[in-house]
């Protein structure tokens, strides 16, 4: 599902902005970036190619990527710090038994 969503970005560029991406020449790859604590989504060029868009030509080498998304991951503590820095406090927190997923109810203070 994520791969189709990611490749759809190129289809929309083609349709809405007059690009000429060939979708079959890209593949979706998800990578974990340990330093940033984020899952990164990339579209990887499967060959050397040129793409035109809005009167500009872009050259892609084989294995060169387009970084399309970053999904940040937070511990409960780091999320609470982030919320506080924006003027919010955690009123309720629900987490799975393993502590991998959480839902936080915030209140503006």
PDB file of N, CA and C in Angstrom:
ATOM      1  N   UNK A   1       0.827  -1.187   0.000  1.00  0.00           N
ATOM      2  CA  UNK A   1       0.000   0.000   0.000  1.00  0.00           C
ATOM      3  C   UNK A   1       0.877   1.259   0.000  1.00  0.00           C
ATOM      4  N   UNK A   2       1.909   1.268   0.855  1.00  0.00           N
ATOM      5  CA  UNK A   2       2.783   2.442   0.930  1.00  0.00           C
ATOM      6  C   UNK A   2       3.530   2.647  -0.382  1.00  0.00           C
ATOM      7  N   UNK A   3       3.959   1.551  -1.004  1.00  0.00           N
ATOM      8  CA  UNK A   3       4.667   1.664  -2.285  1.00  0.00           C
ATOM      9  C   UNK A   3       3.771   2.302  -3.342  1.00  0.00           C
ATOM     10  N   UNK A   4       2.515   1.866  -3.410  1.00  0.00           N
ATOM     11  CA  UNK A   4       1.578   2.428  -4.392  1.00  0.00           C
ATOM     12  C   UNK A   4       1.349   3.909  -4.111  1.00  0.00           C
ATOM     13  N   UNK A   5       1.196   4.258  -2.837  1.00  0.00           N
ATOM     14  CA  UNK A   5       0.995   5.659  -2.464  1.00  0.00           C
ATOM     15  C   UNK A   5       2.204   6.494  -2.878  1.00  0.00           C
ATOM     16  N   UNK A   6       3.408   5.984  -2.602  1.00  0.00           N
ATOM     17  CA  UNK A   6       4.633   6.715  -2.909  1.00  0.00           C
ATOM     18  C   UNK A   6       4.797   6.897  -4.418  1.00  0.00           C
ATOM     19  N   UNK A   7       4.598   5.831  -5.187  1.00  0.00           N
ATOM     20  CA  UNK A   7       4.718   5.932  -6.641  1.00  0.00           C
ATOM     21  C   UNK A   7       3.635   6.832  -7.241  1.00  0.00           C
ATOM     22  N   UNK A   8       2.503   6.940  -6.564  1.00  0.00           N
ATOM     23  CA  UNK A   8       1.441   7.822  -7.030  1.00  0.00           C
ATOM     24  C   UNK A   8       1.893   9.285  -7.046  1.00  0.00           C
ATOM     25  N   UNK A   9       2.874   9.625  -6.225  1.00  0.00           N
ATOM     26  CA  UNK A   9       3.418  10.993  -6.263  1.00  0.00           C
ATOM     27  C   UNK A   9       3.939  11.312  -7.661  1.00  0.00           C
ATOM     28  N   UNK A  10       4.642  10.350  -8.262  1.00  0.00           N
ATOM     29  CA  UNK A  10       5.182  10.576  -9.608  1.00  0.00           C
ATOM     30  C   UNK A  10       4.055  10.667 -10.633  1.00  0.00           C
ATOM     31  N   UNK A  11       3.040   9.831 -10.469  1.00  0.00           N
ATOM     32  CA  UNK A  11       1.884   9.874 -11.381  1.00  0.00           C
ATOM     33  C   UNK A  11       1.189  11.232 -11.301  1.00  0.00           C
ATOM     34  N   UNK A  12       1.029  11.745 -10.103  1.00  0.00           N
ATOM     35  CA  UNK A  12       0.388  13.059  -9.939  1.00  0.00           C
ATOM     36  C   UNK A  12       1.250  14.171 -10.527  1.00  0.00           C
ATOM     37  N   UNK A  13       2.573  14.068 -10.369  1.00  0.00           N
ATOM     38  CA  UNK A  13       3.464  15.051 -10.989  1.00  0.00           C
ATOM     39  C   UNK A  13       3.269  15.028 -12.501  1.00  0.00           C
ATOM     40  N   UNK A  14       3.203  13.823 -13.053  1.00  0.00           N
ATOM     41  CA  UNK A  14       2.995  13.704 -14.497  1.00  0.00           C
ATOM     42  C   UNK A  14       1.658  14.328 -14.919  1.00  0.00           C
ATOM     43  N   UNK A  15       0.610  13.989 -14.206  1.00  0.00           N
ATOM     44  CA  UNK A  15      -0.736  14.431 -14.572  1.00  0.00           C
ATOM     45  C   UNK A  15      -0.964  15.913 -14.309  1.00  0.00           C
ATOM     46  N   UNK A  16      -0.545  16.367 -13.157  1.00  0.00           N
ATOM     47  CA  UNK A  16      -0.876  17.732 -12.734  1.00  0.00           C
ATOM     48  C   UNK A  16       0.183  18.772 -13.092  1.00  0.00           C
ATOM     49  N   UNK A  17       1.423  18.324 -13.295  1.00  0.00           N
ATOM     50  CA  UNK A  17       2.498  19.283 -13.566  1.00  0.00           C
ATOM     51  C   UNK A  17       3.206  19.034 -14.895  1.00  0.00           C
ATOM     52  N   UNK A  18       2.693  18.089 -15.674  1.00  0.00           N
ATOM     53  CA  UNK A  18       3.253  17.844 -16.998  1.00  0.00           C
ATOM     54  C   UNK A  18       4.599  17.151 -16.994  1.00  0.00           C
ATOM     55  N   UNK A  19       4.885  16.394 -15.963  1.00  0.00           N
ATOM     56  CA  UNK A  19       6.144  15.648 -15.910  1.00  0.00           C
ATOM     57  C   UNK A  19       6.112  14.431 -16.811  1.00  0.00           C
ATOM     58  N   UNK A  20       7.267  13.808 -16.989  1.00  0.00           N
ATOM     59  CA  UNK A  20       7.315  12.587 -17.804  1.00  0.00           C
ATOM     60  C   UNK A  20       8.045  11.448 -17.077  1.00  0.00           C
ATOM     61  N   UNK A  21       7.795  11.334 -15.782  1.00  0.00           N
ATOM     62  CA  UNK A  21       8.345  10.212 -15.023  1.00  0.00           C
ATOM     63  C   UNK A  21       7.797   8.904 -15.587  1.00  0.00           C
ATOM     64  N   UNK A  22       8.648   7.918 -15.705  1.00  0.00           N
ATOM     65  CA  UNK A  22       8.227   6.571 -16.087  1.00  0.00           C
ATOM     66  C   UNK A  22       8.218   5.755 -14.800  1.00  0.00           C
ATOM     67  N   UNK A  23       7.042   5.510 -14.272  1.00  0.00           N
ATOM     68  CA  UNK A  23       6.896   4.880 -12.967  1.00  0.00           C
ATOM     69  C   UNK A  23       7.599   3.530 -12.876  1.00  0.00           C
ATOM     70  N   UNK A  24       7.623   2.785 -13.969  1.00  0.00           N
ATOM     71  CA  UNK A  24       8.261   1.460 -13.958  1.00  0.00           C
ATOM     72  C   UNK A  24       9.773   1.550 -13.802  1.00  0.00           C
ATOM     73  N   UNK A  25      10.332   2.750 -13.901  1.00  0.00           N
ATOM     74  CA  UNK A  25      11.773   2.927 -13.742  1.00  0.00           C
ATOM     75  C   UNK A  25      12.150   3.395 -12.337  1.00  0.00           C
ATOM     76  N   UNK A  26      11.176   3.340 -11.418  1.00  0.00           N
ATOM     77  CA  UNK A  26      11.418   3.679 -10.016  1.00  0.00           C
ATOM     78  C   UNK A  26      10.823   2.586  -9.144  1.00  0.00           C
ATOM     79  N   UNK A  27      11.418   2.381  -7.985  1.00  0.00           N
ATOM     80  CA  UNK A  27      10.819   1.479  -7.005  1.00  0.00           C
ATOM     81  C   UNK A  27      10.811   2.165  -5.645  1.00  0.00           C
ATOM     82  N   UNK A  28       9.858   1.769  -4.838  1.00  0.00           N
ATOM     83  CA  UNK A  28       9.694   2.305  -3.487  1.00  0.00           C
ATOM     84  C   UNK A  28      10.616   1.552  -2.529  1.00  0.00           C
ATOM     85  N   UNK A  29      11.274   2.298  -1.639  1.00  0.00           N
ATOM     86  CA  UNK A  29      12.108   1.701  -0.586  1.00  0.00           C
ATOM     87  C   UNK A  29      11.865   2.475   0.705  1.00  0.00           C
ATOM     88  N   UNK A  30      11.669   1.741   1.797  1.00  0.00           N
ATOM     89  CA  UNK A  30      11.559   2.344   3.125  1.00  0.00           C
ATOM     90  C   UNK A  30      12.854   2.056   3.872  1.00  0.00           C
ATOM     91  N   UNK A  31      13.394   3.062   4.543  1.00  0.00           N
ATOM     92  CA  UNK A  31      14.661   2.918   5.274  1.00  0.00           C
ATOM     93  C   UNK A  31      14.492   3.458   6.688  1.00  0.00           C
ATOM     94  N   UNK A  32      15.144   2.819   7.626  1.00  0.00           N
ATOM     95  CA  UNK A  32      15.179   3.313   9.005  1.00  0.00           C
ATOM     96  C   UNK A  32      16.419   4.180   9.163  1.00  0.00           C
ATOM     97  N   UNK A  33      16.231   5.420   9.602  1.00  0.00           N
ATOM     98  CA  UNK A  33      17.329   6.342   9.877  1.00  0.00           C
ATOM     99  C   UNK A  33      17.479   6.401  11.393  1.00  0.00           C
ATOM    100  N   UNK A  34      18.467   5.698  11.893  1.00  0.00           N
ATOM    101  CA  UNK A  34      18.676   5.583  13.336  1.00  0.00           C
ATOM    102  C   UNK A  34      18.959   6.937  13.977  1.00  0.00           C
ATOM    103  N   UNK A  35      19.760   7.755  13.339  1.00  0.00           N
ATOM    104  CA  UNK A  35      20.136   9.055  13.905  1.00  0.00           C
ATOM    105  C   UNK A  35      18.913   9.950  14.067  1.00  0.00           C
ATOM    106  N   UNK A  36      18.070  10.000  13.055  1.00  0.00           N
ATOM    107  CA  UNK A  36      16.879  10.853  13.076  1.00  0.00           C
ATOM    108  C   UNK A  36      15.680  10.191  13.748  1.00  0.00           C
ATOM    109  N   UNK A  37      15.806   8.884  14.065  1.00  0.00           N
ATOM    110  CA  UNK A  37      14.688   8.121  14.620  1.00  0.00           C
ATOM    111  C   UNK A  37      13.456   8.273  13.732  1.00  0.00           C
ATOM    112  N   UNK A  38      13.661   7.966  12.446  1.00  0.00           N
ATOM    113  CA  UNK A  38      12.601   8.159  11.468  1.00  0.00           C
ATOM    114  C   UNK A  38      12.638   7.069  10.407  1.00  0.00           C
ATOM    115  N   UNK A  39      11.460   6.710   9.926  1.00  0.00           N
ATOM    116  CA  UNK A  39      11.351   5.870   8.739  1.00  0.00           C
ATOM    117  C   UNK A  39      11.311   6.828   7.558  1.00  0.00           C
ATOM    118  N   UNK A  40      12.191   6.603   6.593  1.00  0.00           N
ATOM    119  CA  UNK A  40      12.247   7.439   5.392  1.00  0.00           C
ATOM    120  C   UNK A  40      11.702   6.661   4.205  1.00  0.00           C
ATOM    121  N   UNK A  41      10.907   7.321   3.399  1.00  0.00           N
ATOM    122  CA  UNK A  41      10.396   6.737   2.165  1.00  0.00           C
ATOM    123  C   UNK A  41      11.178   7.335   1.007  1.00  0.00           C
ATOM    124  N   UNK A  42      11.617   6.471   0.117  1.00  0.00           N
ATOM    125  CA  UNK A  42      12.397   6.887  -1.048  1.00  0.00           C
ATOM    126  C   UNK A  42      11.834   6.236  -2.297  1.00  0.00           C
ATOM    127  N   UNK A  43      11.982   6.929  -3.407  1.00  0.00           N
ATOM    128  CA  UNK A  43      11.768   6.346  -4.723  1.00  0.00           C
ATOM    129  C   UNK A  43      13.144   6.222  -5.354  1.00  0.00           C
ATOM    130  N   UNK A  44      13.517   5.004  -5.732  1.00  0.00           N
ATOM    131  CA  UNK A  44      14.859   4.706  -6.218  1.00  0.00           C
ATOM    132  C   UNK A  44      14.825   4.538  -7.730  1.00  0.00           C
ATOM    133  N   UNK A  45      15.714   5.251  -8.416  1.00  0.00           N
ATOM    134  CA  UNK A  45      15.825   5.125  -9.863  1.00  0.00           C
ATOM    135  C   UNK A  45      16.453   3.763 -10.196  1.00  0.00           C
ATOM    136  N   UNK A  46      15.811   3.017 -11.084  1.00  0.00           N
ATOM    137  CA  UNK A  46      16.298   1.692 -11.465  1.00  0.00           C
ATOM    138  C   UNK A  46      17.290   1.736 -12.620  1.00  0.00           C
ATOM    139  N   UNK A  47      17.507   2.933 -13.175  1.00  0.00           N
ATOM    140  CA  UNK A  47      18.440   3.069 -14.294  1.00  0.00           C
ATOM    141  C   UNK A  47      18.862   4.528 -14.409  1.00  0.00           C
ATOM    142  N   UNK A  48      19.892   4.784 -15.207  1.00  0.00           N
ATOM    143  CA  UNK A  48      20.231   6.168 -15.528  1.00  0.00           C
ATOM    144  C   UNK A  48      19.101   6.700 -16.406  1.00  0.00           C
ATOM    145  N   UNK A  49      18.614   7.899 -16.083  1.00  0.00           N
ATOM    146  CA  UNK A  49      17.481   8.433 -16.833  1.00  0.00           C
ATOM    147  C   UNK A  49      17.384   9.940 -16.688  1.00  0.00           C
ATOM    148  N   UNK A  50      16.617  10.526 -17.596  1.00  0.00           N
ATOM    149  CA  UNK A  50      16.303  11.947 -17.536  1.00  0.00           C
ATOM    150  C   UNK A  50      14.803  12.100 -17.427  1.00  0.00           C
ATOM    151  N   UNK A  51      14.400  13.101 -16.649  1.00  0.00           N
ATOM    152  CA  UNK A  51      12.988  13.412 -16.475  1.00  0.00           C
ATOM    153  C   UNK A  51      12.829  14.908 -16.705  1.00  0.00           C
ATOM    154  N   UNK A  52      11.782  15.282 -17.415  1.00  0.00           N
ATOM    155  CA  UNK A  52      11.526  16.706 -17.603  1.00  0.00           C
ATOM    156  C   UNK A  52      10.274  17.095 -16.832  1.00  0.00           C
ATOM    157  N   UNK A  53      10.326  18.309 -16.305  1.00  0.00           N
ATOM    158  CA  UNK A  53       9.226  18.827 -15.499  1.00  0.00           C
ATOM    159  C   UNK A  53       9.314  20.340 -15.497  1.00  0.00           C
ATOM    160  N   UNK A  54       8.246  20.982 -15.907  1.00  0.00           N
ATOM    161  CA  UNK A  54       8.168  22.447 -15.897  1.00  0.00           C
ATOM    162  C   UNK A  54       9.348  23.097 -16.621  1.00  0.00           C
ATOM    163  N   UNK A  55       9.735  22.521 -17.733  1.00  0.00           N
ATOM    164  CA  UNK A  55      10.808  23.096 -18.532  1.00  0.00           C
ATOM    165  C   UNK A  55      12.216  22.801 -18.028  1.00  0.00           C
ATOM    166  N   UNK A  56      12.344  21.995 -17.003  1.00  0.00           N
ATOM    167  CA  UNK A  56      13.650  21.630 -16.452  1.00  0.00           C
ATOM    168  C   UNK A  56      13.884  20.142 -16.655  1.00  0.00           C
ATOM    169  N   UNK A  57      15.146  19.777 -16.869  1.00  0.00           N
ATOM    170  CA  UNK A  57      15.515  18.376 -17.010  1.00  0.00           C
ATOM    171  C   UNK A  57      16.286  17.944 -15.770  1.00  0.00           C
ATOM    172  N   UNK A  58      15.891  16.822 -15.223  1.00  0.00           N
ATOM    173  CA  UNK A  58      16.537  16.252 -14.038  1.00  0.00           C
ATOM    174  C   UNK A  58      17.160  14.923 -14.432  1.00  0.00           C
ATOM    175  N   UNK A  59      18.403  14.737 -14.042  1.00  0.00           N
ATOM    176  CA  UNK A  59      19.129  13.506 -14.349  1.00  0.00           C
ATOM    177  C   UNK A  59      19.182  12.644 -13.095  1.00  0.00           C
ATOM    178  N   UNK A  60      18.830  11.388 -13.235  1.00  0.00           N
ATOM    179  CA  UNK A  60      18.910  10.425 -12.136  1.00  0.00           C
ATOM    180  C   UNK A  60      19.875   9.319 -12.534  1.00  0.00           C
ATOM    181  N   UNK A  61      20.778   9.012 -11.638  1.00  0.00           N
ATOM    182  CA  UNK A  61      21.673   7.875 -11.829  1.00  0.00           C
ATOM    183  C   UNK A  61      21.001   6.622 -11.276  1.00  0.00           C
ATOM    184  N   UNK A  62      21.423   5.470 -11.716  1.00  0.00           N
ATOM    185  CA  UNK A  62      20.930   4.215 -11.158  1.00  0.00           C
ATOM    186  C   UNK A  62      21.153   4.235  -9.650  1.00  0.00           C
ATOM    187  N   UNK A  63      20.134   3.904  -8.891  1.00  0.00           N
ATOM    188  CA  UNK A  63      20.138   3.841  -7.415  1.00  0.00           C
ATOM    189  C   UNK A  63      20.014   5.200  -6.742  1.00  0.00           C
ATOM    190  N   UNK A  64      19.981   6.284  -7.502  1.00  0.00           N
ATOM    191  CA  UNK A  64      19.752   7.594  -6.898  1.00  0.00           C
ATOM    192  C   UNK A  64      18.308   7.659  -6.415  1.00  0.00           C
ATOM    193  N   UNK A  65      18.085   8.348  -5.302  1.00  0.00           N
ATOM    194  CA  UNK A  65      16.750   8.350  -4.720  1.00  0.00           C
ATOM    195  C   UNK A  65      16.133   9.742  -4.671  1.00  0.00           C
ATOM    196  N   UNK A  66      14.810   9.735  -4.600  1.00  0.00           N
ATOM    197  CA  UNK A  66      14.019  10.913  -4.280  1.00  0.00           C
ATOM    198  C   UNK A  66      13.448  10.628  -2.889  1.00  0.00           C
ATOM    199  N   UNK A  67      13.834  11.426  -1.915  1.00  0.00           N
ATOM    200  CA  UNK A  67      13.353  11.246  -0.541  1.00  0.00           C
ATOM    201  C   UNK A  67      11.980  11.907  -0.468  1.00  0.00           C
ATOM    202  N   UNK A  68      10.933  11.099  -0.292  1.00  0.00           N
ATOM    203  CA  UNK A  68       9.570  11.617  -0.375  1.00  0.00           C
ATOM    204  C   UNK A  68       8.903  11.850   0.976  1.00  0.00           C
ATOM    205  N   UNK A  69       9.381  11.209   2.022  1.00  0.00           N
ATOM    206  CA  UNK A  69       8.681  11.326   3.308  1.00  0.00           C
ATOM    207  C   UNK A  69       9.594  10.890   4.447  1.00  0.00           C
ATOM    208  N   UNK A  70       9.395  11.495   5.608  1.00  0.00           N
ATOM    209  CA  UNK A  70      10.015  11.035   6.850  1.00  0.00           C
ATOM    210  C   UNK A  70       8.906  10.898   7.883  1.00  0.00           C
ATOM    211  N   UNK A  71       8.886   9.769   8.537  1.00  0.00           N
ATOM    212  CA  UNK A  71       7.906   9.520   9.597  1.00  0.00           C
ATOM    213  C   UNK A  71       8.689   9.385  10.902  1.00  0.00           C
ATOM    214  N   UNK A  72       8.636  10.420  11.715  1.00  0.00           N
ATOM    215  CA  UNK A  72       9.397  10.464  12.964  1.00  0.00           C
ATOM    216  C   UNK A  72       8.816   9.508  13.990  1.00  0.00           C
ATOM    217  N   UNK A  73       9.695   8.937  14.804  1.00  0.00           N
ATOM    218  CA  UNK A  73       9.302   8.035  15.869  1.00  0.00           C
ATOM    219  C   UNK A  73       9.783   8.622  17.194  1.00  0.00           C
ATOM    220  N   UNK A  74       8.937   8.555  18.201  1.00  0.00           N
ATOM    221  CA  UNK A  74       9.239   9.163  19.484  1.00  0.00           C
ATOM    222  C   UNK A  74       9.019   8.170  20.612  1.00  0.00           C
ATOM    223  N   UNK A  75       9.831   8.264  21.639  1.00  0.00           N
ATOM    224  CA  UNK A  75       9.529   7.583  22.880  1.00  0.00           C
ATOM    225  C   UNK A  75       8.450   8.413  23.575  1.00  0.00           C
ATOM    226  N   UNK A  76       7.804   7.835  24.572  1.00  0.00           N
ATOM    227  CA  UNK A  76       6.791   8.599  25.312  1.00  0.00           C
ATOM    228  C   UNK A  76       7.414   9.855  25.906  1.00  0.00           C
ATOM    229  N   UNK A  77       8.622   9.726  26.441  1.00  0.00           N
ATOM    230  CA  UNK A  77       9.295  10.866  27.071  1.00  0.00           C
ATOM    231  C   UNK A  77       9.647  11.944  26.045  1.00  0.00           C
ATOM    232  N   UNK A  78      10.184  11.537  24.903  1.00  0.00           N
ATOM    233  CA  UNK A  78      10.565  12.542  23.908  1.00  0.00           C
ATOM    234  C   UNK A  78       9.327  13.212  23.318  1.00  0.00           C
ATOM    235  N   UNK A  79       8.218  12.479  23.201  1.00  0.00           N
ATOM    236  CA  UNK A  79       6.990  13.093  22.716  1.00  0.00           C
ATOM    237  C   UNK A  79       6.458  14.111  23.722  1.00  0.00           C
ATOM    238  N   UNK A  80       6.509  13.775  25.004  1.00  0.00           N
ATOM    239  CA  UNK A  80       6.053  14.717  26.038  1.00  0.00           C
ATOM    240  C   UNK A  80       6.887  15.994  26.012  1.00  0.00           C
ATOM    241  N   UNK A  81       8.199  15.878  25.829  1.00  0.00           N
ATOM    242  CA  UNK A  81       9.059  17.066  25.731  1.00  0.00           C
ATOM    243  C   UNK A  81       8.672  17.904  24.516  1.00  0.00           C
ATOM    244  N   UNK A  82       8.440  17.241  23.401  1.00  0.00           N
ATOM    245  CA  UNK A  82       8.041  17.942  22.186  1.00  0.00           C
ATOM    246  C   UNK A  82       6.712  18.673  22.399  1.00  0.00           C
ATOM    247  N   UNK A  83       5.759  17.994  22.999  1.00  0.00           N
ATOM    248  CA  UNK A  83       4.461  18.618  23.269  1.00  0.00           C
ATOM    249  C   UNK A  83       4.627  19.843  24.170  1.00  0.00           C
ATOM    250  N   UNK A  84       5.406  19.708  25.245  1.00  0.00           N
ATOM    251  CA  UNK A  84       5.624  20.841  26.162  1.00  0.00           C
ATOM    252  C   UNK A  84       6.260  22.020  25.442  1.00  0.00           C
ATOM    253  N   UNK A  85       7.173  21.733  24.528  1.00  0.00           N
ATOM    254  CA  UNK A  85       7.849  22.830  23.813  1.00  0.00           C
ATOM    255  C   UNK A  85       6.873  23.612  22.945  1.00  0.00           C
ATOM    256  N   UNK A  86       5.733  23.008  22.608  1.00  0.00           N
ATOM    257  CA  UNK A  86       4.720  23.689  21.810  1.00  0.00           C
ATOM    258  C   UNK A  86       3.549  24.209  22.630  1.00  0.00           C
ATOM    259  N   UNK A  87       3.672  24.146  23.962  1.00  0.00           N
ATOM    260  CA  UNK A  87       2.614  24.681  24.811  1.00  0.00           C
ATOM    261  C   UNK A  87       1.508  23.693  25.144  1.00  0.00           C
ATOM    262  N   UNK A  88       1.789  22.399  25.034  1.00  0.00           N
ATOM    263  CA  UNK A  88       0.809  21.359  25.323  1.00  0.00           C
ATOM    264  C   UNK A  88       1.300  20.495  26.475  1.00  0.00           C
ATOM    265  N   UNK A  89       0.358  19.843  27.130  1.00  0.00           N
ATOM    266  CA  UNK A  89       0.745  18.828  28.115  1.00  0.00           C
ATOM    267  C   UNK A  89      -0.049  17.568  27.830  1.00  0.00           C
ATOM    268  N   UNK A  90       0.530  16.442  28.174  1.00  0.00           N
ATOM    269  CA  UNK A  90      -0.134  15.159  27.961  1.00  0.00           C
ATOM    270  C   UNK A  90      -1.142  14.950  29.086  1.00  0.00           C
ATOM    271  N   UNK A  91      -2.407  14.842  28.727  1.00  0.00           N
ATOM    272  CA  UNK A  91      -3.466  14.606  29.711  1.00  0.00           C
ATOM    273  C   UNK A  91      -3.707  13.114  29.899  1.00  0.00           C
ATOM    274  N   UNK A  92      -3.601  12.351  28.828  1.00  0.00           N
ATOM    275  CA  UNK A  92      -3.792  10.899  28.860  1.00  0.00           C
ATOM    276  C   UNK A  92      -2.821  10.270  27.884  1.00  0.00           C
ATOM    277  N   UNK A  93      -2.389   9.068  28.207  1.00  0.00           N
ATOM    278  CA  UNK A  93      -1.512   8.328  27.303  1.00  0.00           C
ATOM    279  C   UNK A  93      -1.923   6.862  27.309  1.00  0.00           C
ATOM    280  N   UNK A  94      -2.046   6.307  26.129  1.00  0.00           N
ATOM    281  CA  UNK A  94      -2.370   4.896  25.975  1.00  0.00           C
ATOM    282  C   UNK A  94      -1.271   4.268  25.133  1.00  0.00           C
ATOM    283  N   UNK A  95      -0.699   3.162  25.613  1.00  0.00           N
ATOM    284  CA  UNK A  95       0.371   2.478  24.880  1.00  0.00           C
ATOM    285  C   UNK A  95       0.122   0.984  24.866  1.00  0.00           C
ATOM    286  N   UNK A  96       0.645   0.334  23.826  1.00  0.00           N
ATOM    287  CA  UNK A  96       0.552  -1.119  23.772  1.00  0.00           C
ATOM    288  C   UNK A  96       1.491  -1.709  24.825  1.00  0.00           C
ATOM    289  N   UNK A  97       1.345  -2.989  25.088  1.00  0.00           N
ATOM    290  CA  UNK A  97       2.115  -3.652  26.151  1.00  0.00           C
ATOM    291  C   UNK A  97       3.615  -3.548  25.921  1.00  0.00           C
ATOM    292  N   UNK A  98       4.039  -3.561  24.667  1.00  0.00           N
ATOM    293  CA  UNK A  98       5.462  -3.485  24.363  1.00  0.00           C
ATOM    294  C   UNK A  98       6.021  -2.073  24.322  1.00  0.00           C
ATOM    295  N   UNK A  99       5.156  -1.084  24.438  1.00  0.00           N
ATOM    296  CA  UNK A  99       5.595   0.299  24.401  1.00  0.00           C
ATOM    297  C   UNK A  99       6.012   0.782  23.023  1.00  0.00           C
ATOM    298  N   UNK A 100       5.575   0.073  21.979  1.00  0.00           N
ATOM    299  CA  UNK A 100       5.965   0.453  20.617  1.00  0.00           C
ATOM    300  C   UNK A 100       5.011   1.460  19.982  1.00  0.00           C
ATOM    301  N   UNK A 101       3.755   1.462  20.416  1.00  0.00           N
ATOM    302  CA  UNK A 101       2.755   2.339  19.829  1.00  0.00           C
ATOM    303  C   UNK A 101       2.050   3.097  20.935  1.00  0.00           C
ATOM    304  N   UNK A 102       1.711   4.331  20.647  1.00  0.00           N
ATOM    305  CA  UNK A 102       1.033   5.117  21.662  1.00  0.00           C
ATOM    306  C   UNK A 102       0.086   6.126  21.067  1.00  0.00           C
ATOM    307  N   UNK A 103      -0.862   6.512  21.880  1.00  0.00           N
ATOM    308  CA  UNK A 103      -1.818   7.552  21.542  1.00  0.00           C
ATOM    309  C   UNK A 103      -1.837   8.508  22.722  1.00  0.00           C
ATOM    310  N   UNK A 104      -1.698   9.795  22.457  1.00  0.00           N
ATOM    311  CA  UNK A 104      -1.577  10.782  23.504  1.00  0.00           C
ATOM    312  C   UNK A 104      -2.667  11.831  23.363  1.00  0.00           C
ATOM    313  N   UNK A 105      -3.404  12.059  24.438  1.00  0.00           N
ATOM    314  CA  UNK A 105      -4.384  13.132  24.479  1.00  0.00           C
ATOM    315  C   UNK A 105      -3.715  14.366  25.050  1.00  0.00           C
ATOM    316  N   UNK A 106      -3.765  15.466  24.308  1.00  0.00           N
ATOM    317  CA  UNK A 106      -3.064  16.692  24.713  1.00  0.00           C
ATOM    318  C   UNK A 106      -4.038  17.775  25.139  1.00  0.00           C
ATOM    319  N   UNK A 107      -3.570  18.613  26.053  1.00  0.00           N
ATOM    320  CA  UNK A 107      -4.308  19.795  26.511  1.00  0.00           C
ATOM    321  C   UNK A 107      -3.387  20.994  26.399  1.00  0.00           C
ATOM    322  N   UNK A 108      -3.898  22.069  25.848  1.00  0.00           N
ATOM    323  CA  UNK A 108      -3.124  23.316  25.730  1.00  0.00           C
ATOM    324  C   UNK A 108      -3.034  23.942  27.127  1.00  0.00           C
ATOM    325  N   UNK A 109      -1.858  24.360  27.527  1.00  0.00           N
ATOM    326  CA  UNK A 109      -1.745  25.038  28.842  1.00  0.00           C
ATOM    327  C   UNK A 109      -1.259  26.442  28.690  1.00  0.00           C
TER     328      UNK A 109
END
